Amino acid sequence: MVRVATPREKYLTVHGRKPVLEALTGGLPVARVHLADSARGESAEAIVAAAAGRGVQVNRVSERRVSSISRHPKQDQGVVADVAAPRLQSLMAVLEQRTGRSHATSVLLLDGVHNPANLGMILRTATAAGIDGIVVPDAGTAEIGPLTVKASAGVAFQAPILRIDRPEYAAAQLSDARFEMVAVEAGGSDLFATELSDRVALVLGNETAGISEPVLEYCTRAVSLPLANGVESLNVAAAAAVVAYDLARRRA
C-alpha cells in the first residue's frame, strides 16, 4: 500500500491577513487559501483578489476549520494559506527510505529552540550547508510562521524540514534507524578533533536550558565548539551554522 503524505507533510502554513497577502503578492508557491466565512472587509477582499490573480483556490470554511489548520486561533484573523514546501516530510517517511535522494545521513535535531528568529537562521544555514534533514518537532519548538520565514529570508520553504510531534520521539526513531546521536553541548569533546559516524544526528538544545533529559538519554556522546577569549557560549543559530558546515566539510 502506497503511503499518502498528509497536508502537514507537504505544506507550511502562513496565517494572518497581512502575511497571507504578502505570500500571494510576493510570489511564494501558495497552493490554496482557507478563508473563514465570517472574514470580511478590505483585507479579505484583497486576499481574494490576489488569489484570483494567481489562480489560487480560495476555500470558504468555518472559523473553527481555519483555527484547526493554523493552530493559532487568536492570531490567524480568519485566514491561512498552504504554501508548498517540496522538501518538507515527516521524519518517519524519510527514515523508511533507505536509498535514493531522500536517504538521510546527516541530520540536525532541534530540541526546544523557542526563538523563531533562531529557528529561521538555522533553517537557512543548514539548508545552505547541504544538511540532509532538520528535525523540527512541534512540541517545544518555535512555529514556522512569519517571523521564522523572515529570518530564513524565505529559505524555510525550501529547507529539508522533517516533522514530528516531540523531540524525544525523534531521538528514539533516529536511534532505532542506527543514527549516532551526538549532543552539542558544553563540556563535550572538541567537534573539530572528533571522528563522527557516517550516519549522524547532532542535537542542538534550548538557548538557555540546553538539551532536555529525555533526548539526552539517547545521545551516546557529546561534542562542543572550541571557544576562546573568555566567551562562554554561542547563540544556538550560530552554533548550528558551525556544526552544519563542519558536517559539509567532512562530506566533501
Foldseek 3Di string as FASTA:
>chain_A
DDDDADLQQWWAKEADLVRLLCCLVVPFQWQAKEAEPPDDDDSVVSNVVSCVVVVHYYHHDHLVVQCVVVVCSVHRSRMMITTGQPLGGAPVVLLVDCDDDSPAQEEEEEAQAADLLLLLLLQQLLVVLPHSEYEAAPPNYHGCYDNSCVSVVNCVSHGNYHYDHHRLVVLVVLVVSVAAEEEEDPPFAAPLPDDHDSRYYYYFYYQPPTHDPSNVVSHPGYHYHDDDDPDDDDGSSVVSNVVSNVNSVVVD
